Amino acid sequence: MTTESPATAASAAVWSPILALPEFVELRRRRRAVTTGLGLIAIALFSGFLVGFAFFPESLGDNTAFGIPLSLWVVFSQFAGTWVLVYAYFRLSRTFIQPAADAAVRAIAQRDQERAS
């Protein structure tokens, strides 16, 4: 059985109206969209790697592209794919998530000002 301290109950009461602000809801929606999309791509990339090496090791080792075995291309794709995902996350953070975060901060500050006066 868990018991909440008065500080926990008070902080939950303060956050509830903030979570309902439309700007904050939009920020959560955008973050969820970015992390879900990029996470699914990362899972697909890694799953492809596992499937390739688990079920097609001979094909990956015997065949070459530009004189390099396909297995090395698959390994390189993991390295390059990870960096592409990192770049995409940072780019989307700046261009897609940050404007929503700024709007949420402004809305929370305005709400606090209205409550203070």
N, C-alpha and C. Protein backbone atom coordinates (compact mmCIF):
# COMPACT_ATOMS: atom_id res chain seq x y z
N MET A 1 0.84 -1.16 0.00
CA MET A 1 0.00 0.00 0.00
C MET A 1 0.90 1.23 0.00
N THR A 2 0.58 2.17 -0.90
CA THR A 2 1.38 3.38 -0.98
C THR A 2 0.59 4.54 -0.38
N THR A 3 1.33 5.42 0.23
CA THR A 3 0.71 6.62 0.77
C THR A 3 1.36 7.82 0.11
N GLU A 4 0.54 8.80 -0.23
CA GLU A 4 1.07 10.00 -0.85
C GLU A 4 1.33 11.04 0.22
N SER A 5 2.45 11.71 0.08
CA SER A 5 2.72 12.80 1.01
C SER A 5 1.92 14.02 0.58
N PRO A 6 1.71 14.96 1.48
CA PRO A 6 0.97 16.17 1.12
C PRO A 6 1.65 16.93 -0.02
N ALA A 7 2.98 16.90 -0.09
CA ALA A 7 3.69 17.59 -1.16
C ALA A 7 3.37 16.96 -2.51
N THR A 8 3.25 15.64 -2.56
CA THR A 8 2.92 14.95 -3.80
C THR A 8 1.51 15.31 -4.25
N ALA A 9 0.57 15.32 -3.33
CA ALA A 9 -0.81 15.67 -3.67
C ALA A 9 -0.89 17.11 -4.15
N ALA A 10 -0.15 18.00 -3.51
CA ALA A 10 -0.17 19.41 -3.90
C ALA A 10 0.44 19.60 -5.28
N SER A 11 1.54 18.92 -5.57
CA SER A 11 2.17 19.07 -6.89
C SER A 11 1.29 18.48 -7.98
N ALA A 12 0.55 17.41 -7.68
CA ALA A 12 -0.37 16.84 -8.66
C ALA A 12 -1.49 17.82 -8.95
N ALA A 13 -1.94 18.52 -7.93
CA ALA A 13 -3.00 19.50 -8.13
C ALA A 13 -2.51 20.66 -8.98
N VAL A 14 -1.25 21.02 -8.87
CA VAL A 14 -0.70 22.12 -9.66
C VAL A 14 -0.51 21.70 -11.11
N TRP A 15 -0.10 20.47 -11.34
CA TRP A 15 0.17 20.02 -12.71
C TRP A 15 -1.09 19.71 -13.50
N SER A 16 -2.16 19.34 -12.86
CA SER A 16 -3.38 18.95 -13.58
C SER A 16 -3.88 20.02 -14.54
N PRO A 17 -4.00 21.28 -14.13
CA PRO A 17 -4.45 22.30 -15.09
C PRO A 17 -3.43 22.57 -16.19
N ILE A 18 -2.16 22.43 -15.86
CA ILE A 18 -1.12 22.65 -16.88
C ILE A 18 -1.20 21.57 -17.94
N LEU A 19 -1.41 20.33 -17.53
CA LEU A 19 -1.52 19.24 -18.50
C LEU A 19 -2.70 19.41 -19.43
N ALA A 20 -3.71 20.16 -19.01
CA ALA A 20 -4.90 20.35 -19.83
C ALA A 20 -4.78 21.54 -20.79
N LEU A 21 -3.74 22.35 -20.64
CA LEU A 21 -3.57 23.49 -21.55
C LEU A 21 -3.41 22.99 -22.99
N PRO A 22 -4.09 23.61 -23.95
CA PRO A 22 -4.00 23.16 -25.35
C PRO A 22 -2.57 23.17 -25.89
N GLU A 23 -1.77 24.16 -25.48
CA GLU A 23 -0.38 24.23 -25.94
C GLU A 23 0.44 23.07 -25.41
N PHE A 24 0.17 22.68 -24.17
CA PHE A 24 0.89 21.56 -23.58
C PHE A 24 0.45 20.24 -24.21
N VAL A 25 -0.82 20.13 -24.49
CA VAL A 25 -1.34 18.93 -25.17
C VAL A 25 -0.71 18.80 -26.55
N GLU A 26 -0.58 19.92 -27.26
CA GLU A 26 0.06 19.90 -28.59
C GLU A 26 1.52 19.50 -28.49
N LEU A 27 2.22 20.01 -27.48
CA LEU A 27 3.62 19.63 -27.28
C LEU A 27 3.74 18.13 -27.05
N ARG A 28 2.90 17.57 -26.20
CA ARG A 28 2.93 16.13 -25.95
C ARG A 28 2.62 15.34 -27.21
N ARG A 29 1.67 15.81 -28.02
CA ARG A 29 1.32 15.13 -29.26
C ARG A 29 2.50 15.13 -30.23
N ARG A 30 3.17 16.27 -30.35
CA ARG A 30 4.31 16.35 -31.27
C ARG A 30 5.47 15.47 -30.80
N ARG A 31 5.76 15.50 -29.52
CA ARG A 31 6.85 14.64 -29.02
C ARG A 31 6.54 13.18 -29.22
N ARG A 32 5.28 12.80 -28.97
CA ARG A 32 4.87 11.41 -29.15
C ARG A 32 5.02 11.01 -30.61
N ALA A 33 4.63 11.88 -31.53
CA ALA A 33 4.72 11.57 -32.96
C ALA A 33 6.17 11.35 -33.38
N VAL A 34 7.06 12.22 -32.92
CA VAL A 34 8.47 12.11 -33.30
C VAL A 34 9.10 10.86 -32.69
N THR A 35 8.91 10.66 -31.40
CA THR A 35 9.57 9.51 -30.77
C THR A 35 9.00 8.19 -31.25
N THR A 36 7.68 8.14 -31.49
CA THR A 36 7.09 6.90 -32.00
C THR A 36 7.57 6.61 -33.41
N GLY A 37 7.56 7.61 -34.27
CA GLY A 37 8.00 7.40 -35.65
C GLY A 37 9.45 6.97 -35.74
N LEU A 38 10.33 7.71 -35.07
CA LEU A 38 11.75 7.37 -35.13
C LEU A 38 12.03 6.06 -34.40
N GLY A 39 11.30 5.78 -33.34
CA GLY A 39 11.47 4.51 -32.64
C GLY A 39 11.09 3.32 -33.50
N LEU A 40 9.99 3.45 -34.23
CA LEU A 40 9.58 2.36 -35.14
C LEU A 40 10.60 2.15 -36.26
N ILE A 41 11.16 3.24 -36.77
CA ILE A 41 12.20 3.11 -37.80
C ILE A 41 13.42 2.41 -37.22
N ALA A 42 13.80 2.76 -36.00
CA ALA A 42 14.96 2.11 -35.36
C ALA A 42 14.70 0.62 -35.15
N ILE A 43 13.50 0.28 -34.73
CA ILE A 43 13.16 -1.13 -34.54
C ILE A 43 13.20 -1.88 -35.86
N ALA A 44 12.67 -1.27 -36.93
CA ALA A 44 12.70 -1.91 -38.25
C ALA A 44 14.13 -2.09 -38.74
N LEU A 45 14.97 -1.09 -38.52
CA LEU A 45 16.38 -1.17 -38.94
C LEU A 45 17.09 -2.31 -38.22
N PHE A 46 16.91 -2.38 -36.91
CA PHE A 46 17.58 -3.42 -36.14
C PHE A 46 16.98 -4.80 -36.44
N SER A 47 15.67 -4.85 -36.65
CA SER A 47 15.04 -6.14 -36.98
C SER A 47 15.56 -6.67 -38.31
N GLY A 48 15.72 -5.78 -39.28
CA GLY A 48 16.29 -6.18 -40.56
C GLY A 48 17.69 -6.75 -40.40
N PHE A 49 18.47 -6.14 -39.53
CA PHE A 49 19.81 -6.63 -39.24
C PHE A 49 19.75 -8.04 -38.65
N LEU A 50 18.89 -8.22 -37.65
CA LEU A 50 18.77 -9.53 -37.01
C LEU A 50 18.27 -10.61 -37.97
N VAL A 51 17.26 -10.28 -38.76
CA VAL A 51 16.71 -11.24 -39.71
C VAL A 51 17.77 -11.61 -40.74
N GLY A 52 18.48 -10.62 -41.23
CA GLY A 52 19.53 -10.89 -42.22
C GLY A 52 20.59 -11.84 -41.72
N PHE A 53 21.09 -11.58 -40.53
CA PHE A 53 22.16 -12.43 -40.02
C PHE A 53 21.66 -13.75 -39.44
N ALA A 54 20.40 -13.81 -39.02
CA ALA A 54 19.87 -15.06 -38.48
C ALA A 54 19.47 -16.04 -39.57
N PHE A 55 18.89 -15.53 -40.66
CA PHE A 55 18.31 -16.42 -41.67
C PHE A 55 19.05 -16.44 -43.01
N PHE A 56 19.90 -15.44 -43.26
CA PHE A 56 20.60 -15.39 -44.56
C PHE A 56 22.10 -15.17 -44.42
N PRO A 57 22.77 -15.87 -43.50
CA PRO A 57 24.20 -15.60 -43.32
C PRO A 57 25.03 -15.97 -44.55
N GLU A 58 24.66 -17.04 -45.24
CA GLU A 58 25.44 -17.44 -46.42
C GLU A 58 25.28 -16.40 -47.53
N SER A 59 24.06 -15.94 -47.73
CA SER A 59 23.82 -14.94 -48.78
C SER A 59 24.58 -13.66 -48.49
N LEU A 60 24.60 -13.26 -47.25
CA LEU A 60 25.29 -12.02 -46.89
C LEU A 60 26.80 -12.16 -47.00
N GLY A 61 27.31 -13.34 -46.74
CA GLY A 61 28.75 -13.55 -46.80
C GLY A 61 29.26 -13.85 -48.20
N ASP A 62 28.46 -14.54 -49.01
CA ASP A 62 28.92 -14.96 -50.34
C ASP A 62 28.76 -13.89 -51.40
N ASN A 63 27.74 -13.07 -51.33
CA ASN A 63 27.47 -12.05 -52.36
C ASN A 63 28.18 -10.75 -52.02
N THR A 64 28.58 -10.05 -53.07
CA THR A 64 29.27 -8.78 -52.87
C THR A 64 28.61 -7.69 -53.70
N ALA A 65 28.83 -6.47 -53.26
CA ALA A 65 28.42 -5.28 -54.02
C ALA A 65 29.63 -4.35 -54.00
N PHE A 66 30.12 -4.02 -55.19
CA PHE A 66 31.32 -3.18 -55.34
C PHE A 66 32.53 -3.81 -54.66
N GLY A 67 32.58 -5.14 -54.67
CA GLY A 67 33.71 -5.86 -54.10
C GLY A 67 33.68 -6.00 -52.59
N ILE A 68 32.60 -5.57 -51.96
CA ILE A 68 32.49 -5.65 -50.51
C ILE A 68 31.34 -6.60 -50.18
N PRO A 69 31.55 -7.57 -49.26
CA PRO A 69 30.48 -8.50 -48.91
C PRO A 69 29.23 -7.77 -48.40
N LEU A 70 28.08 -8.33 -48.69
CA LEU A 70 26.82 -7.72 -48.26
C LEU A 70 26.74 -7.61 -46.74
N SER A 71 27.38 -8.51 -46.03
CA SER A 71 27.34 -8.46 -44.57
C SER A 71 27.94 -7.15 -44.06
N LEU A 72 29.02 -6.70 -44.69
CA LEU A 72 29.61 -5.42 -44.27
C LEU A 72 28.69 -4.25 -44.60
N TRP A 73 27.98 -4.33 -45.72
CA TRP A 73 27.02 -3.29 -46.07
C TRP A 73 25.89 -3.23 -45.04
N VAL A 74 25.44 -4.40 -44.57
CA VAL A 74 24.38 -4.44 -43.57
C VAL A 74 24.87 -3.83 -42.26
N VAL A 75 26.08 -4.16 -41.87
CA VAL A 75 26.64 -3.59 -40.64
C VAL A 75 26.80 -2.08 -40.78
N PHE A 76 27.29 -1.65 -41.93
CA PHE A 76 27.43 -0.21 -42.16
C PHE A 76 26.07 0.49 -42.14
N SER A 77 25.05 -0.18 -42.65
CA SER A 77 23.71 0.43 -42.64
C SER A 77 23.23 0.68 -41.22
N GLN A 78 23.61 -0.18 -40.28
CA GLN A 78 23.24 0.03 -38.88
C GLN A 78 23.92 1.29 -38.34
N PHE A 79 25.20 1.42 -38.64
CA PHE A 79 25.95 2.60 -38.20
C PHE A 79 25.39 3.87 -38.83
N ALA A 80 25.25 3.87 -40.14
CA ALA A 80 24.75 5.05 -40.84
C ALA A 80 23.30 5.34 -40.47
N GLY A 81 22.49 4.30 -40.36
CA GLY A 81 21.09 4.49 -40.01
C GLY A 81 20.92 5.11 -38.63
N THR A 82 21.75 4.71 -37.69
CA THR A 82 21.69 5.29 -36.35
C THR A 82 21.99 6.78 -36.39
N TRP A 83 23.02 7.16 -37.14
CA TRP A 83 23.36 8.58 -37.23
C TRP A 83 22.30 9.37 -37.98
N VAL A 84 21.66 8.77 -38.97
CA VAL A 84 20.57 9.45 -39.66
C VAL A 84 19.40 9.68 -38.70
N LEU A 85 19.10 8.69 -37.88
CA LEU A 85 18.03 8.85 -36.90
C LEU A 85 18.37 9.92 -35.87
N VAL A 86 19.62 9.97 -35.43
CA VAL A 86 20.04 11.01 -34.48
C VAL A 86 19.89 12.39 -35.11
N TYR A 87 20.35 12.53 -36.35
CA TYR A 87 20.23 13.80 -37.06
C TYR A 87 18.76 14.19 -37.21
N ALA A 88 17.92 13.24 -37.59
CA ALA A 88 16.49 13.51 -37.77
C ALA A 88 15.86 13.95 -36.45
N TYR A 89 16.24 13.31 -35.35
CA TYR A 89 15.68 13.69 -34.06
C TYR A 89 16.09 15.12 -33.69
N PHE A 90 17.37 15.45 -33.84
CA PHE A 90 17.81 16.81 -33.51
C PHE A 90 17.15 17.83 -34.42
N ARG A 91 17.03 17.52 -35.69
CA ARG A 91 16.40 18.44 -36.64
C ARG A 91 14.91 18.64 -36.29
N LEU A 92 14.20 17.55 -36.05
CA LEU A 92 12.79 17.66 -35.69
C LEU A 92 12.60 18.33 -34.33
N SER A 93 13.55 18.14 -33.42
CA SER A 93 13.47 18.81 -32.12
C SER A 93 13.51 20.32 -32.30
N ARG A 94 14.39 20.77 -33.19
CA ARG A 94 14.52 22.21 -33.43
C ARG A 94 13.35 22.78 -34.20
N THR A 95 12.90 22.08 -35.23
CA THR A 95 11.92 22.66 -36.15
C THR A 95 10.48 22.29 -35.84
N PHE A 96 10.23 21.18 -35.20
CA PHE A 96 8.86 20.69 -35.00
C PHE A 96 8.45 20.73 -33.53
N ILE A 97 9.34 20.32 -32.64
CA ILE A 97 9.00 20.24 -31.22
C ILE A 97 9.24 21.58 -30.51
N GLN A 98 10.34 22.25 -30.81
CA GLN A 98 10.69 23.47 -30.08
C GLN A 98 9.65 24.58 -30.19
N PRO A 99 9.04 24.84 -31.37
CA PRO A 99 7.98 25.85 -31.39
C PRO A 99 6.81 25.52 -30.46
N ALA A 100 6.45 24.26 -30.38
CA ALA A 100 5.38 23.85 -29.46
C ALA A 100 5.82 24.00 -28.01
N ALA A 101 7.09 23.70 -27.73
CA ALA A 101 7.61 23.87 -26.37
C ALA A 101 7.60 25.34 -25.97
N ASP A 102 8.00 26.21 -26.89
CA ASP A 102 7.98 27.65 -26.61
C ASP A 102 6.55 28.13 -26.34
N ALA A 103 5.60 27.67 -27.15
CA ALA A 103 4.20 28.05 -26.94
C ALA A 103 3.68 27.54 -25.60
N ALA A 104 4.08 26.34 -25.22
CA ALA A 104 3.64 25.79 -23.93
C ALA A 104 4.22 26.59 -22.76
N VAL A 105 5.48 26.97 -22.88
CA VAL A 105 6.11 27.77 -21.82
C VAL A 105 5.41 29.12 -21.70
N ARG A 106 5.11 29.75 -22.84
CA ARG A 106 4.39 31.03 -22.80
C ARG A 106 3.01 30.87 -22.17
N ALA A 107 2.30 29.80 -22.52
CA ALA A 107 0.96 29.58 -21.97
C ALA A 107 1.02 29.35 -20.47
N ILE A 108 2.01 28.61 -20.01
CA ILE A 108 2.14 28.36 -18.57
C ILE A 108 2.50 29.65 -17.84
N ALA A 109 3.40 30.45 -18.42
CA ALA A 109 3.77 31.73 -17.81
C ALA A 109 2.56 32.67 -17.76
N GLN A 110 1.78 32.71 -18.83
CA GLN A 110 0.59 33.55 -18.85
C GLN A 110 -0.42 33.07 -17.81
N ARG A 111 -0.57 31.77 -17.69
CA ARG A 111 -1.49 31.22 -16.69
C ARG A 111 -1.04 31.60 -15.29
N ASP A 112 0.27 31.51 -15.04
CA ASP A 112 0.78 31.88 -13.73
C ASP A 112 0.58 33.36 -13.43
N GLN A 113 0.76 34.20 -14.45
CA GLN A 113 0.53 35.64 -14.27
C GLN A 113 -0.94 35.92 -13.94
N GLU A 114 -1.84 35.23 -14.64
CA GLU A 114 -3.27 35.44 -14.39
C GLU A 114 -3.65 34.98 -13.01
N ARG A 115 -3.04 33.92 -12.54
CA ARG A 115 -3.36 33.42 -11.19
C ARG A 115 -2.79 34.35 -10.12
N ALA A 116 -1.65 35.00 -10.42
CA ALA A 116 -1.01 35.88 -9.43
C ALA A 116 -1.77 37.19 -9.29
N SER A 117 -2.42 37.64 -10.36
CA SER A 117 -3.10 38.93 -10.26
C SER A 117 -4.54 38.83 -9.89
